[in-house]
C-alpha atoms as a PDB file:
ATOM      1  CA  UNK A   1      51.636  66.061 -85.795  1.00  0.00           C
ATOM      2  CA  UNK A   2      55.307  66.921 -86.420  1.00  0.00           C
ATOM      3  CA  UNK A   3      58.293  66.278 -84.188  1.00  0.00           C
ATOM      4  CA  UNK A   4      61.923  67.325 -84.582  1.00  0.00           C
ATOM      5  CA  UNK A   5      64.296  64.587 -83.394  1.00  0.00           C
ATOM      6  CA  UNK A   6      67.842  65.948 -83.269  1.00  0.00           C
ATOM      7  CA  UNK A   7      70.878  63.705 -82.918  1.00  0.00           C
ATOM      8  CA  UNK A   8      73.961  65.715 -82.017  1.00  0.00           C
ATOM      9  CA  UNK A   9      77.369  64.851 -83.415  1.00  0.00           C
ATOM     10  CA  UNK A  10      80.171  66.030 -85.668  1.00  0.00           C
ATOM     11  CA  UNK A  11      80.398  65.452 -89.390  1.00  0.00           C
ATOM     12  CA  UNK A  12      83.387  63.702 -90.925  1.00  0.00           C
ATOM     13  CA  UNK A  13      84.741  60.159 -90.958  1.00  0.00           C
ATOM     14  CA  UNK A  14      87.184  60.927 -88.138  1.00  0.00           C
ATOM     15  CA  UNK A  15      84.200  61.400 -85.767  1.00  0.00           C
ATOM     16  CA  UNK A  16      81.939  58.638 -87.075  1.00  0.00           C
ATOM     17  CA  UNK A  17      82.402  56.070 -84.305  1.00  0.00           C
ATOM     18  CA  UNK A  18      83.217  58.406 -81.411  1.00  0.00           C
ATOM     19  CA  UNK A  19      81.339  58.706 -78.143  1.00  0.00           C
ATOM     20  CA  UNK A  20      80.477  62.322 -78.957  1.00  0.00           C
ATOM     21  CA  UNK A  21      78.555  61.151 -82.037  1.00  0.00           C
ATOM     22  CA  UNK A  22      76.040  58.941 -80.241  1.00  0.00           C
ATOM     23  CA  UNK A  23      73.190  61.230 -81.364  1.00  0.00           C
ATOM     24  CA  UNK A  24      74.087  60.588 -85.009  1.00  0.00           C
ATOM     25  CA  UNK A  25      74.509  56.870 -84.299  1.00  0.00           C
ATOM     26  CA  UNK A  26      71.017  56.563 -82.758  1.00  0.00           C
ATOM     27  CA  UNK A  27      69.386  58.350 -85.705  1.00  0.00           C
ATOM     28  CA  UNK A  28      71.378  56.246 -88.189  1.00  0.00           C
ATOM     29  CA  UNK A  29      70.091  53.066 -86.505  1.00  0.00           C
ATOM     30  CA  UNK A  30      66.515  54.371 -86.519  1.00  0.00           C
ATOM     31  CA  UNK A  31      66.817  55.327 -90.191  1.00  0.00           C
ATOM     32  CA  UNK A  32      68.310  51.969 -91.140  1.00  0.00           C
ATOM     33  CA  UNK A  33      65.579  50.015 -89.339  1.00  0.00           C
ATOM     34  CA  UNK A  34      62.876  52.129 -90.981  1.00  0.00           C
ATOM     35  CA  UNK A  35      64.325  52.500 -94.502  1.00  0.00           C
ATOM     36  CA  UNK A  36      64.726  56.249 -94.044  1.00  0.00           C
ATOM     37  CA  UNK A  37      67.252  57.983 -96.280  1.00  0.00           C
ATOM     38  CA  UNK A  38      68.978  61.144 -95.101  1.00  0.00           C
ATOM     39  CA  UNK A  39      69.328  64.014 -97.567  1.00  0.00           C
ATOM     40  CA  UNK A  40      71.928  66.765 -97.352  1.00  0.00           C
ATOM     41  CA  UNK A  41      69.884  69.905 -96.692  1.00  0.00           C
ATOM     42  CA  UNK A  42      70.471  73.288 -95.130  1.00  0.00           C
ATOM     43  CA  UNK A  43      72.362  72.953 -91.826  1.00  0.00           C
ATOM     44  CA  UNK A  44      71.958  69.192 -91.663  1.00  0.00           C
ATOM     45  CA  UNK A  45      71.309  65.714 -92.899  1.00  0.00           C
ATOM     46  CA  UNK A  46      67.542  65.329 -92.762  1.00  0.00           C
ATOM     47  CA  UNK A  47      65.210  62.364 -93.049  1.00  0.00           C
ATOM     48  CA  UNK A  48      61.468  62.020 -92.571  1.00  0.00           C
ATOM     49  CA  UNK A  49      59.911  59.130 -90.737  1.00  0.00           C
ATOM     50  CA  UNK A  50      56.286  58.328 -90.010  1.00  0.00           C
ATOM     51  CA  UNK A  51      55.373  56.522 -86.797  1.00  0.00           C
ATOM     52  CA  UNK A  52      51.810  55.926 -85.576  1.00  0.00           C
ATOM     53  CA  UNK A  53      50.409  58.943 -87.385  1.00  0.00           C
ATOM     54  CA  UNK A  54      53.252  61.231 -86.352  1.00  0.00           C
ATOM     55  CA  UNK A  55      55.704  62.817 -88.753  1.00  0.00           C
ATOM     56  CA  UNK A  56      59.227  62.775 -87.347  1.00  0.00           C
ATOM     57  CA  UNK A  57      61.840  65.044 -88.889  1.00  0.00           C
ATOM     58  CA  UNK A  58      65.204  63.425 -88.116  1.00  0.00           C
ATOM     59  CA  UNK A  59      68.035  65.964 -88.034  1.00  0.00           C
ATOM     60  CA  UNK A  60      71.784  65.407 -87.854  1.00  0.00           C
ATOM     61  CA  UNK A  61      73.228  68.945 -87.821  1.00  0.00           C
ATOM     62  CA  UNK A  62      76.162  69.530 -90.167  1.00  0.00           C
ATOM     63  CA  UNK A  63      77.145  72.699 -88.305  1.00  0.00           C
ATOM     64  CA  UNK A  64      79.454  70.754 -85.976  1.00  0.00           C
ATOM     65  CA  UNK A  65      78.521  70.179 -82.358  1.00  0.00           C
ATOM     66  CA  UNK A  66      79.344  73.660 -81.056  1.00  0.00           C
ATOM     67  CA  UNK A  67      76.968  75.367 -83.521  1.00  0.00           C
ATOM     68  CA  UNK A  68      74.048  72.916 -83.311  1.00  0.00           C
ATOM     69  CA  UNK A  69      71.614  75.660 -82.294  1.00  0.00           C
ATOM     70  CA  UNK A  70      71.640  77.169 -85.765  1.00  0.00           C
ATOM     71  CA  UNK A  71      70.391  73.898 -87.303  1.00  0.00           C
ATOM     72  CA  UNK A  72      67.800  73.256 -84.582  1.00  0.00           C
ATOM     73  CA  UNK A  73      66.390  76.775 -84.851  1.00  0.00           C
ATOM     74  CA  UNK A  74      66.285  76.677 -88.662  1.00  0.00           C
ATOM     75  CA  UNK A  75      64.414  73.352 -88.820  1.00  0.00           C
ATOM     76  CA  UNK A  76      62.003  74.308 -86.031  1.00  0.00           C
ATOM     77  CA  UNK A  77      61.089  77.420 -88.037  1.00  0.00           C
ATOM     78  CA  UNK A  78      61.044  75.720 -91.441  1.00  0.00           C
ATOM     79  CA  UNK A  79      58.794  72.862 -90.293  1.00  0.00           C
ATOM     80  CA  UNK A  80      56.810  74.993 -87.810  1.00  0.00           C
ATOM     81  CA  UNK A  81      57.629  72.668 -84.910  1.00  0.00           C
ATOM     82  CA  UNK A  82      56.967  73.997 -81.384  1.00  0.00           C
ATOM     83  CA  UNK A  83      59.535  73.581 -78.613  1.00  0.00           C
ATOM     84  CA  UNK A  84      57.495  70.866 -76.871  1.00  0.00           C
ATOM     85  CA  UNK A  85      57.855  68.655 -79.962  1.00  0.00           C
ATOM     86  CA  UNK A  86      61.674  68.841 -80.038  1.00  0.00           C
ATOM     87  CA  UNK A  87      63.775  65.950 -78.693  1.00  0.00           C
ATOM     88  CA  UNK A  88      67.582  66.245 -78.614  1.00  0.00           C
ATOM     89  CA  UNK A  89      69.854  63.170 -78.322  1.00  0.00           C
ATOM     90  CA  UNK A  90      73.239  63.868 -76.758  1.00  0.00           C
ATOM     91  CA  UNK A  91      76.219  62.211 -75.018  1.00  0.00           C
ATOM     92  CA  UNK A  92      76.845  62.827 -71.325  1.00  0.00           C
ATOM     93  CA  UNK A  93      80.032  62.055 -69.353  1.00  0.00           C
ATOM     94  CA  UNK A  94      78.259  62.585 -66.008  1.00  0.00           C
ATOM     95  CA  UNK A  95      76.089  59.513 -66.606  1.00  0.00           C
ATOM     96  CA  UNK A  96      77.604  56.010 -66.460  1.00  0.00           C
ATOM     97  CA  UNK A  97      77.784  54.049 -69.685  1.00  0.00           C
ATOM     98  CA  UNK A  98      74.653  51.941 -70.098  1.00  0.00           C
ATOM     99  CA  UNK A  99      72.243  54.489 -68.637  1.00  0.00           C
ATOM    100  CA  UNK A 100      70.138  57.149 -70.297  1.00  0.00           C
ATOM    101  CA  UNK A 101      68.466  60.107 -68.674  1.00  0.00           C
ATOM    102  CA  UNK A 102      65.503  61.838 -70.274  1.00  0.00           C
ATOM    103  CA  UNK A 103      64.450  65.302 -69.149  1.00  0.00           C
ATOM    104  CA  UNK A 104      61.754  67.737 -70.270  1.00  0.00           C
ATOM    105  CA  UNK A 105      64.165  70.661 -69.834  1.00  0.00           C
ATOM    106  CA  UNK A 106      67.419  71.538 -68.167  1.00  0.00           C
ATOM    107  CA  UNK A 107      70.769  73.233 -68.273  1.00  0.00           C
ATOM    108  CA  UNK A 108      73.509  72.447 -70.762  1.00  0.00           C
ATOM    109  CA  UNK A 109      75.558  70.755 -67.971  1.00  0.00           C
ATOM    110  CA  UNK A 110      78.731  71.884 -69.750  1.00  0.00           C
ATOM    111  CA  UNK A 111      77.820  70.242 -73.078  1.00  0.00           C
ATOM    112  CA  UNK A 112      78.768  72.606 -75.916  1.00  0.00           C
ATOM    113  CA  UNK A 113      76.040  71.382 -78.270  1.00  0.00           C
ATOM    114  CA  UNK A 114      73.297  71.990 -75.713  1.00  0.00           C
ATOM    115  CA  UNK A 115      74.928  75.277 -74.696  1.00  0.00           C
ATOM    116  CA  UNK A 116      74.680  76.549 -78.274  1.00  0.00           C
ATOM    117  CA  UNK A 117      71.084  75.350 -78.676  1.00  0.00           C
ATOM    118  CA  UNK A 118      70.155  77.173 -75.443  1.00  0.00           C
ATOM    119  CA  UNK A 119      71.895  80.355 -76.645  1.00  0.00           C
ATOM    120  CA  UNK A 120      70.319  80.357 -80.105  1.00  0.00           C
ATOM    121  CA  UNK A 121      66.806  79.443 -78.943  1.00  0.00           C
ATOM    122  CA  UNK A 122      67.056  81.671 -75.873  1.00  0.00           C
ATOM    123  CA  UNK A 123      65.509  78.898 -73.791  1.00  0.00           C
ATOM    124  CA  UNK A 124      66.204  75.427 -72.452  1.00  0.00           C
ATOM    125  CA  UNK A 125      62.711  73.959 -72.092  1.00  0.00           C
ATOM    126  CA  UNK A 126      63.074  71.298 -74.772  1.00  0.00           C
ATOM    127  CA  UNK A 127      63.234  67.558 -74.143  1.00  0.00           C
ATOM    128  CA  UNK A 128      66.559  65.774 -74.264  1.00  0.00           C
ATOM    129  CA  UNK A 129      67.861  62.253 -73.983  1.00  0.00           C
ATOM    130  CA  UNK A 130      71.285  62.123 -72.371  1.00  0.00           C
ATOM    131  CA  UNK A 131      73.176  58.957 -73.300  1.00  0.00           C
ATOM    132  CA  UNK A 132      75.707  58.030 -70.629  1.00  0.00           C
ATOM    133  CA  UNK A 133      79.213  57.583 -71.958  1.00  0.00           C
ATOM    134  CA  UNK A 134      80.828  57.494 -68.507  1.00  0.00           C
ATOM    135  CA  UNK A 135      83.903  59.324 -67.290  1.00  0.00           C
ATOM    136  CA  UNK A 136      86.620  56.709 -67.605  1.00  0.00           C
ATOM    137  CA  UNK A 137      89.433  59.127 -68.357  1.00  0.00           C
ATOM    138  CA  UNK A 138      92.359  60.702 -66.535  1.00  0.00           C
ATOM    139  CA  UNK A 139      92.397  64.353 -65.575  1.00  0.00           C
ATOM    140  CA  UNK A 140      92.973  66.524 -68.641  1.00  0.00           C
ATOM    141  CA  UNK A 141      91.946  63.743 -71.044  1.00  0.00           C
ATOM    142  CA  UNK A 142      88.228  64.570 -71.342  1.00  0.00           C
ATOM    143  CA  UNK A 143      88.410  65.770 -74.963  1.00  0.00           C
ATOM    144  CA  UNK A 144      90.366  62.686 -76.054  1.00  0.00           C
ATOM    145  CA  UNK A 145      87.863  60.445 -74.268  1.00  0.00           C
ATOM    146  CA  UNK A 146      84.753  62.110 -75.686  1.00  0.00           C
ATOM    147  CA  UNK A 147      86.222  62.224 -79.192  1.00  0.00           C
ATOM    148  CA  UNK A 148      87.619  58.713 -78.801  1.00  0.00           C
ATOM    149  CA  UNK A 149      86.097  55.568 -80.232  1.00  0.00           C
ATOM    150  CA  UNK A 150      84.037  53.120 -78.200  1.00  0.00           C
ATOM    151  CA  UNK A 151      85.846  50.341 -76.360  1.00  0.00           C
ATOM    152  CA  UNK A 152      85.275  46.703 -77.325  1.00  0.00           C
ATOM    153  CA  UNK A 153      83.015  45.980 -74.344  1.00  0.00           C
ATOM    154  CA  UNK A 154      80.999  49.141 -75.037  1.00  0.00           C
ATOM    155  CA  UNK A 155      80.622  48.187 -78.715  1.00  0.00           C
ATOM    156  CA  UNK A 156      78.993  44.895 -77.694  1.00  0.00           C
ATOM    157  CA  UNK A 157      76.338  46.694 -75.624  1.00  0.00           C
ATOM    158  CA  UNK A 158      75.674  49.594 -77.990  1.00  0.00           C
ATOM    159  CA  UNK A 159      73.056  47.900 -80.218  1.00  0.00           C
ATOM    160  CA  UNK A 160      70.841  47.120 -77.208  1.00  0.00           C
ATOM    161  CA  UNK A 161      71.266  50.600 -75.741  1.00  0.00           C
ATOM    162  CA  UNK A 162      70.530  52.233 -79.098  1.00  0.00           C
ATOM    163  CA  UNK A 163      67.368  50.129 -79.468  1.00  0.00           C
ATOM    164  CA  UNK A 164      66.324  51.356 -76.009  1.00  0.00           C
ATOM    165  CA  UNK A 165      66.859  54.957 -77.175  1.00  0.00           C
ATOM    166  CA  UNK A 166      64.774  54.353 -80.312  1.00  0.00           C
ATOM    167  CA  UNK A 167      61.969  53.022 -78.095  1.00  0.00           C
ATOM    168  CA  UNK A 168      62.270  56.206 -76.006  1.00  0.00           C
ATOM    169  CA  UNK A 169      61.990  58.356 -79.166  1.00  0.00           C
ATOM    170  CA  UNK A 170      58.809  56.486 -80.080  1.00  0.00           C
ATOM    171  CA  UNK A 171      57.565  56.968 -76.522  1.00  0.00           C
ATOM    172  CA  UNK A 172      58.234  60.703 -76.642  1.00  0.00           C
ATOM    173  CA  UNK A 173      56.129  61.038 -79.787  1.00  0.00           C
ATOM    174  CA  UNK A 174      53.250  58.832 -78.610  1.00  0.00           C
ATOM    175  CA  UNK A 175      52.900  58.909 -74.812  1.00  0.00           C
ATOM    176  CA  UNK A 176      54.578  62.252 -74.087  1.00  0.00           C
ATOM    177  CA  UNK A 177      57.621  63.340 -72.159  1.00  0.00           C
ATOM    178  CA  UNK A 178      56.408  62.591 -68.588  1.00  0.00           C
ATOM    179  CA  UNK A 179      55.427  58.980 -69.259  1.00  0.00           C
ATOM    180  CA  UNK A 180      58.552  58.489 -71.377  1.00  0.00           C
ATOM    181  CA  UNK A 181      60.724  59.685 -68.478  1.00  0.00           C
ATOM    182  CA  UNK A 182      58.913  57.300 -66.108  1.00  0.00           C
ATOM    183  CA  UNK A 183      59.354  54.372 -68.489  1.00  0.00           C
ATOM    184  CA  UNK A 184      62.901  54.878 -69.792  1.00  0.00           C
ATOM    185  CA  UNK A 185      64.881  56.614 -67.026  1.00  0.00           C
ATOM    186  CA  UNK A 186      66.207  53.372 -65.596  1.00  0.00           C
ATOM    187  CA  UNK A 187      68.907  50.847 -66.341  1.00  0.00           C
ATOM    188  CA  UNK A 188      68.317  48.661 -69.339  1.00  0.00           C
END
């Protein structure tokens, strides 16, 4: 059974440790813990990971956040992965830092990466993990906040939160989206 696990982010060293790149950061941690090596392929950095008989295709789109749909669509087609086996990891300012929210489907909620995926796929019924980055910014400073680096206190908590997200990815691929939502949609 194949799954497409997509971590959204932007390529380039200037974005590496930003809040907007949490999708990349989660997949990097999963890859590091599992000795997975990413290869530069069409529309993304791709790694393969086996977990409990499942084959997970890990995708970090290199199309930049606002064109993520192109990469998701290409790899779904190339690997023949149905929509119910796609899991997208994304930052969310509407959720407080330290919380994640997993959904089986939903709107883009103003997130440009999800907006593009919805446009390209022509649907929004794919699972997503929204990683709360909070909204600790002044009016008009949203872009600077999202593209800003993590604060010192946040950095201390990130490893635990990322481990929680990796557990949720494993849950999605083994116990399904409903049970994963029930298990992981709470404070950690």
